[in-house]
N, C-alpha and C. Protein backbone atom coordinates (compact mmCIF):
# COMPACT_ATOMS: atom_id res chain seq x y z
N MET A 1 -22.41 -60.67 -30.96
CA MET A 1 -23.40 -61.56 -30.38
C MET A 1 -24.01 -60.87 -29.17
N ALA A 2 -25.31 -60.82 -29.10
CA ALA A 2 -26.01 -60.26 -27.96
C ALA A 2 -25.80 -61.15 -26.74
N GLY A 3 -25.93 -60.54 -25.56
CA GLY A 3 -25.68 -61.26 -24.32
C GLY A 3 -26.69 -62.33 -23.98
N HIS A 4 -27.96 -62.13 -24.34
CA HIS A 4 -28.99 -63.08 -23.94
C HIS A 4 -28.74 -64.50 -24.47
N PRO A 5 -28.41 -64.68 -25.76
CA PRO A 5 -28.20 -66.04 -26.25
C PRO A 5 -27.01 -66.75 -25.60
N SER A 6 -26.10 -65.98 -25.01
CA SER A 6 -24.95 -66.59 -24.37
C SER A 6 -25.24 -66.95 -22.91
N GLY A 7 -26.32 -66.44 -22.38
CA GLY A 7 -26.60 -66.63 -20.97
C GLY A 7 -25.93 -65.58 -20.11
N GLY A 8 -25.29 -64.61 -20.74
CA GLY A 8 -24.55 -63.58 -20.03
C GLY A 8 -25.32 -62.30 -19.80
N ALA A 9 -26.60 -62.27 -20.13
CA ALA A 9 -27.41 -61.07 -19.90
C ALA A 9 -28.80 -61.46 -19.43
N VAL A 10 -29.36 -60.62 -18.59
CA VAL A 10 -30.71 -60.83 -18.08
C VAL A 10 -31.49 -59.52 -18.15
N ASP A 11 -32.78 -59.62 -18.28
CA ASP A 11 -33.69 -58.49 -18.17
C ASP A 11 -34.48 -58.68 -16.90
N LEU A 12 -34.52 -57.66 -16.06
CA LEU A 12 -35.24 -57.81 -14.80
C LEU A 12 -35.74 -56.48 -14.27
N THR A 13 -36.63 -56.58 -13.30
CA THR A 13 -37.16 -55.43 -12.60
C THR A 13 -37.32 -55.80 -11.14
N LEU A 14 -37.84 -54.88 -10.36
CA LEU A 14 -38.09 -55.13 -8.94
C LEU A 14 -39.56 -55.43 -8.72
N ILE A 15 -39.83 -56.27 -7.72
CA ILE A 15 -41.21 -56.55 -7.32
C ILE A 15 -41.33 -56.35 -5.81
N ASP A 16 -42.55 -56.14 -5.36
CA ASP A 16 -42.78 -56.02 -3.92
C ASP A 16 -43.14 -57.39 -3.34
N ALA A 17 -43.46 -57.41 -2.04
CA ALA A 17 -43.74 -58.68 -1.36
C ALA A 17 -44.98 -59.38 -1.91
N ALA A 18 -45.85 -58.64 -2.61
CA ALA A 18 -47.06 -59.23 -3.20
C ALA A 18 -46.86 -59.58 -4.68
N ASP A 19 -45.61 -59.65 -5.13
CA ASP A 19 -45.26 -59.97 -6.52
C ASP A 19 -45.75 -58.95 -7.53
N ARG A 20 -45.91 -57.70 -7.11
CA ARG A 20 -46.28 -56.62 -8.04
C ARG A 20 -45.02 -55.88 -8.45
N GLU A 21 -44.92 -55.60 -9.75
CA GLU A 21 -43.77 -54.84 -10.24
C GLU A 21 -43.79 -53.44 -9.65
N LEU A 22 -42.62 -52.99 -9.21
CA LEU A 22 -42.50 -51.62 -8.72
C LEU A 22 -42.39 -50.67 -9.91
N PRO A 23 -42.90 -49.46 -9.79
CA PRO A 23 -42.82 -48.51 -10.90
C PRO A 23 -41.37 -48.06 -11.13
N MET A 24 -40.96 -48.14 -12.38
CA MET A 24 -39.58 -47.82 -12.74
C MET A 24 -39.50 -46.65 -13.75
N GLY A 25 -40.62 -46.04 -14.05
CA GLY A 25 -40.63 -44.91 -14.98
C GLY A 25 -41.18 -45.25 -16.35
N CYS A 26 -41.09 -46.50 -16.72
CA CYS A 26 -41.72 -46.99 -17.94
C CYS A 26 -41.78 -48.51 -17.83
N ASN A 27 -42.55 -49.11 -18.67
CA ASN A 27 -42.67 -50.56 -18.67
C ASN A 27 -41.40 -51.21 -19.17
N TYR A 28 -41.15 -52.41 -18.67
CA TYR A 28 -40.06 -53.24 -19.17
C TYR A 28 -40.24 -53.41 -20.67
N ASP A 29 -39.15 -53.32 -21.40
CA ASP A 29 -39.10 -53.55 -22.84
C ASP A 29 -39.81 -52.48 -23.67
N GLU A 30 -40.10 -51.34 -23.07
CA GLU A 30 -40.71 -50.23 -23.80
C GLU A 30 -39.60 -49.46 -24.52
N ASP A 31 -39.76 -49.20 -25.80
CA ASP A 31 -38.70 -48.54 -26.55
C ASP A 31 -38.70 -47.03 -26.30
N GLU A 32 -37.72 -46.35 -26.91
CA GLU A 32 -37.54 -44.92 -26.71
C GLU A 32 -38.79 -44.12 -27.07
N GLU A 33 -39.40 -44.45 -28.19
CA GLU A 33 -40.57 -43.71 -28.64
C GLU A 33 -41.76 -43.92 -27.70
N ALA A 34 -42.06 -45.16 -27.38
CA ALA A 34 -43.21 -45.46 -26.52
C ALA A 34 -43.03 -44.92 -25.11
N SER A 35 -41.79 -44.88 -24.62
CA SER A 35 -41.52 -44.43 -23.26
C SER A 35 -41.14 -42.96 -23.17
N ASP A 36 -41.07 -42.29 -24.30
CA ASP A 36 -40.63 -40.89 -24.36
C ASP A 36 -39.24 -40.74 -23.73
N GLY A 37 -38.41 -41.73 -23.94
CA GLY A 37 -37.03 -41.71 -23.46
C GLY A 37 -36.83 -42.29 -22.07
N ALA A 38 -37.90 -42.63 -21.36
CA ALA A 38 -37.77 -43.14 -19.99
C ALA A 38 -37.12 -44.53 -19.94
N CYS A 39 -36.98 -45.19 -21.08
CA CYS A 39 -36.31 -46.49 -21.10
C CYS A 39 -34.81 -46.34 -20.84
N TYR A 40 -34.27 -45.15 -21.11
CA TYR A 40 -32.84 -44.94 -20.88
C TYR A 40 -32.53 -44.97 -19.39
N SER A 41 -31.45 -45.61 -19.06
CA SER A 41 -31.08 -45.78 -17.65
C SER A 41 -30.88 -44.45 -16.94
N ALA A 42 -30.35 -43.46 -17.62
CA ALA A 42 -30.05 -42.17 -17.00
C ALA A 42 -31.13 -41.12 -17.28
N TYR A 43 -32.34 -41.54 -17.57
CA TYR A 43 -33.43 -40.62 -17.86
C TYR A 43 -33.64 -39.67 -16.68
N ALA A 44 -33.61 -38.37 -16.95
CA ALA A 44 -33.67 -37.37 -15.87
C ALA A 44 -35.08 -37.01 -15.44
N GLY A 45 -36.10 -37.39 -16.20
CA GLY A 45 -37.46 -36.97 -15.89
C GLY A 45 -38.27 -37.92 -15.04
N LEU A 46 -37.61 -38.78 -14.28
CA LEU A 46 -38.34 -39.75 -13.45
C LEU A 46 -38.98 -39.10 -12.24
N LEU A 47 -40.12 -39.64 -11.84
CA LEU A 47 -40.70 -39.25 -10.56
C LEU A 47 -39.77 -39.74 -9.44
N PRO A 48 -39.77 -39.09 -8.30
CA PRO A 48 -38.85 -39.52 -7.22
C PRO A 48 -38.96 -40.99 -6.83
N THR A 49 -40.15 -41.53 -6.78
CA THR A 49 -40.32 -42.95 -6.45
C THR A 49 -39.69 -43.84 -7.50
N HIS A 50 -39.88 -43.50 -8.76
CA HIS A 50 -39.30 -44.28 -9.85
C HIS A 50 -37.78 -44.20 -9.81
N ALA A 51 -37.26 -43.00 -9.56
CA ALA A 51 -35.81 -42.81 -9.48
C ALA A 51 -35.21 -43.62 -8.33
N GLU A 52 -35.89 -43.65 -7.19
CA GLU A 52 -35.41 -44.42 -6.04
C GLU A 52 -35.43 -45.91 -6.35
N ASN A 53 -36.48 -46.39 -7.01
CA ASN A 53 -36.53 -47.81 -7.40
C ASN A 53 -35.38 -48.16 -8.33
N ARG A 54 -35.09 -47.28 -9.27
CA ARG A 54 -33.96 -47.55 -10.17
C ARG A 54 -32.65 -47.51 -9.42
N ARG A 55 -32.48 -46.56 -8.50
CA ARG A 55 -31.24 -46.49 -7.72
C ARG A 55 -31.02 -47.79 -6.96
N LEU A 56 -32.09 -48.33 -6.38
CA LEU A 56 -31.98 -49.59 -5.66
C LEU A 56 -31.56 -50.73 -6.59
N LEU A 57 -32.25 -50.86 -7.71
CA LEU A 57 -31.92 -51.90 -8.69
C LEU A 57 -30.47 -51.77 -9.15
N PHE A 58 -30.06 -50.55 -9.50
CA PHE A 58 -28.71 -50.33 -10.01
C PHE A 58 -27.66 -50.62 -8.95
N ALA A 59 -27.92 -50.25 -7.71
CA ALA A 59 -26.95 -50.49 -6.63
C ALA A 59 -26.77 -51.98 -6.39
N VAL A 60 -27.87 -52.71 -6.34
CA VAL A 60 -27.80 -54.15 -6.09
C VAL A 60 -27.08 -54.87 -7.23
N MET A 61 -27.47 -54.55 -8.45
CA MET A 61 -26.86 -55.24 -9.59
C MET A 61 -25.39 -54.89 -9.74
N ALA A 62 -25.04 -53.61 -9.56
CA ALA A 62 -23.63 -53.21 -9.66
C ALA A 62 -22.80 -53.87 -8.57
N SER A 63 -23.36 -54.00 -7.37
CA SER A 63 -22.60 -54.62 -6.29
C SER A 63 -22.32 -56.09 -6.58
N ALA A 64 -23.13 -56.71 -7.43
CA ALA A 64 -22.91 -58.10 -7.83
C ALA A 64 -22.05 -58.22 -9.08
N GLY A 65 -21.58 -57.09 -9.62
CA GLY A 65 -20.69 -57.11 -10.77
C GLY A 65 -21.36 -57.00 -12.12
N PHE A 66 -22.67 -56.80 -12.15
CA PHE A 66 -23.38 -56.65 -13.42
C PHE A 66 -23.20 -55.25 -13.98
N ILE A 67 -23.28 -55.16 -15.29
CA ILE A 67 -23.17 -53.90 -16.02
C ILE A 67 -24.50 -53.62 -16.71
N ASN A 68 -24.99 -52.40 -16.58
CA ASN A 68 -26.25 -52.03 -17.22
C ASN A 68 -26.01 -51.57 -18.64
N TYR A 69 -26.92 -51.93 -19.53
CA TYR A 69 -26.94 -51.43 -20.89
C TYR A 69 -27.71 -50.11 -20.84
N PRO A 70 -27.08 -48.97 -21.12
CA PRO A 70 -27.69 -47.66 -20.83
C PRO A 70 -28.95 -47.29 -21.63
N PHE A 71 -29.31 -48.08 -22.63
CA PHE A 71 -30.50 -47.78 -23.40
C PHE A 71 -31.72 -48.53 -22.88
N GLU A 72 -31.52 -49.41 -21.91
CA GLU A 72 -32.60 -50.20 -21.32
C GLU A 72 -32.31 -50.38 -19.83
N TRP A 73 -33.05 -49.72 -18.96
CA TRP A 73 -32.79 -49.81 -17.52
C TRP A 73 -32.87 -51.25 -17.00
N TRP A 74 -33.60 -52.12 -17.69
CA TRP A 74 -33.85 -53.49 -17.24
C TRP A 74 -32.81 -54.50 -17.70
N HIS A 75 -31.88 -54.10 -18.58
CA HIS A 75 -30.93 -55.03 -19.20
C HIS A 75 -29.59 -55.00 -18.46
N TRP A 76 -29.18 -56.17 -17.98
CA TRP A 76 -27.95 -56.29 -17.19
C TRP A 76 -27.08 -57.41 -17.74
N SER A 77 -25.78 -57.16 -17.80
CA SER A 77 -24.83 -58.12 -18.36
C SER A 77 -23.78 -58.52 -17.32
N TYR A 78 -23.40 -59.78 -17.41
CA TYR A 78 -22.27 -60.29 -16.65
C TYR A 78 -21.67 -61.44 -17.45
N GLY A 79 -20.47 -61.23 -17.93
CA GLY A 79 -19.78 -62.30 -18.63
C GLY A 79 -19.94 -62.31 -20.14
N ASP A 80 -20.78 -61.43 -20.70
CA ASP A 80 -20.93 -61.40 -22.15
C ASP A 80 -19.92 -60.42 -22.75
N ARG A 81 -19.96 -60.25 -24.06
CA ARG A 81 -18.99 -59.38 -24.73
C ARG A 81 -19.12 -57.92 -24.30
N TYR A 82 -20.34 -57.45 -24.09
CA TYR A 82 -20.53 -56.07 -23.64
C TYR A 82 -19.90 -55.87 -22.26
N TRP A 83 -20.14 -56.79 -21.35
CA TRP A 83 -19.55 -56.75 -20.02
C TRP A 83 -18.03 -56.72 -20.11
N ALA A 84 -17.46 -57.59 -20.94
CA ALA A 84 -16.00 -57.64 -21.09
C ALA A 84 -15.45 -56.31 -21.60
N PHE A 85 -16.11 -55.73 -22.57
CA PHE A 85 -15.67 -54.45 -23.13
C PHE A 85 -15.71 -53.35 -22.07
N ILE A 86 -16.83 -53.21 -21.38
CA ILE A 86 -17.01 -52.13 -20.39
C ILE A 86 -16.07 -52.30 -19.20
N THR A 87 -15.87 -53.52 -18.75
CA THR A 87 -15.04 -53.76 -17.57
C THR A 87 -13.56 -53.92 -17.89
N GLY A 88 -13.22 -53.92 -19.19
CA GLY A 88 -11.82 -54.05 -19.58
C GLY A 88 -11.27 -55.45 -19.48
N GLN A 89 -12.15 -56.44 -19.47
CA GLN A 89 -11.71 -57.83 -19.43
C GLN A 89 -11.18 -58.24 -20.80
N PRO A 90 -10.23 -59.15 -20.86
CA PRO A 90 -9.67 -59.53 -22.16
C PRO A 90 -10.63 -60.30 -23.05
N ALA A 91 -11.65 -60.94 -22.45
CA ALA A 91 -12.60 -61.72 -23.23
C ALA A 91 -13.86 -61.94 -22.42
N ALA A 92 -14.92 -62.29 -23.12
CA ALA A 92 -16.17 -62.66 -22.46
C ALA A 92 -16.01 -64.01 -21.78
N ILE A 93 -16.80 -64.23 -20.76
CA ILE A 93 -16.82 -65.53 -20.09
C ILE A 93 -17.70 -66.50 -20.86
N TYR A 94 -18.83 -65.97 -21.38
CA TYR A 94 -19.83 -66.80 -22.04
C TYR A 94 -19.82 -66.55 -23.54
N ALA A 95 -20.07 -67.60 -24.30
CA ALA A 95 -20.19 -67.51 -25.75
C ALA A 95 -21.59 -67.95 -26.14
N ALA A 96 -21.91 -67.80 -27.40
CA ALA A 96 -23.23 -68.20 -27.89
C ALA A 96 -23.45 -69.69 -27.68
N VAL A 97 -24.68 -70.03 -27.44
CA VAL A 97 -25.07 -71.43 -27.30
C VAL A 97 -25.77 -71.85 -28.58
N GLU A 98 -25.31 -72.90 -29.18
CA GLU A 98 -25.87 -73.38 -30.44
C GLU A 98 -27.16 -74.17 -30.19
N ASP A 99 -28.05 -74.18 -31.17
CA ASP A 99 -29.32 -74.90 -31.05
C ASP A 99 -29.11 -76.37 -30.67
N ALA A 100 -28.11 -77.01 -31.24
CA ALA A 100 -27.86 -78.42 -30.94
C ALA A 100 -27.54 -78.61 -29.46
N GLU A 101 -26.80 -77.65 -28.90
CA GLU A 101 -26.46 -77.74 -27.47
C GLU A 101 -27.71 -77.58 -26.62
N LEU A 102 -28.59 -76.67 -27.01
CA LEU A 102 -29.84 -76.48 -26.28
C LEU A 102 -30.70 -77.74 -26.32
N LYS A 103 -30.78 -78.35 -27.50
CA LYS A 103 -31.56 -79.58 -27.63
C LYS A 103 -30.97 -80.70 -26.78
N ALA A 104 -29.65 -80.78 -26.73
CA ALA A 104 -29.01 -81.81 -25.91
C ALA A 104 -29.30 -81.57 -24.43
N CYS A 105 -29.27 -80.30 -24.01
CA CYS A 105 -29.60 -79.98 -22.61
C CYS A 105 -31.04 -80.32 -22.30
N ALA A 106 -31.94 -80.02 -23.21
CA ALA A 106 -33.36 -80.34 -23.01
C ALA A 106 -33.55 -81.84 -22.91
N HIS A 107 -32.85 -82.58 -23.77
CA HIS A 107 -32.94 -84.03 -23.74
C HIS A 107 -32.43 -84.58 -22.40
N MET A 108 -31.32 -84.04 -21.92
CA MET A 108 -30.76 -84.49 -20.65
C MET A 108 -31.71 -84.13 -19.49
N SER A 109 -32.34 -82.97 -19.56
CA SER A 109 -33.30 -82.57 -18.51
C SER A 109 -34.45 -83.55 -18.45
N ASN A 110 -34.95 -83.95 -19.61
CA ASN A 110 -36.04 -84.93 -19.65
C ASN A 110 -35.59 -86.29 -19.11
N PHE A 111 -34.36 -86.65 -19.43
CA PHE A 111 -33.82 -87.92 -18.99
C PHE A 111 -33.64 -87.95 -17.47
N LEU A 112 -33.19 -86.83 -16.91
CA LEU A 112 -32.91 -86.77 -15.48
C LEU A 112 -34.16 -86.56 -14.63
N ALA A 113 -35.25 -86.14 -15.24
CA ALA A 113 -36.47 -85.85 -14.47
C ALA A 113 -37.16 -87.08 -13.96
């Protein structure tokens, strides 16, 4: 099970004070072919500014306990199966959320609003 459906993974980037995305070497969600490999977290051909932006993102996320998926610099896990495997945890914290559960949450959100 992928981390996103469990709520245990997020995709993110950095922005500046004017809500502009900082350059990270390639666009978010760009695959290997389109990015010429720059989507990989350890891509060696980054411009210095892009490398510094990634170092900042990686330092902040790692300090909070998140684990990066090395094929996508923007993908971070905490509590999903990938996180559990990499960190040596006995199990994931989060499991898949079923459609019925999502509908019930949406219904409760409408009720509480």
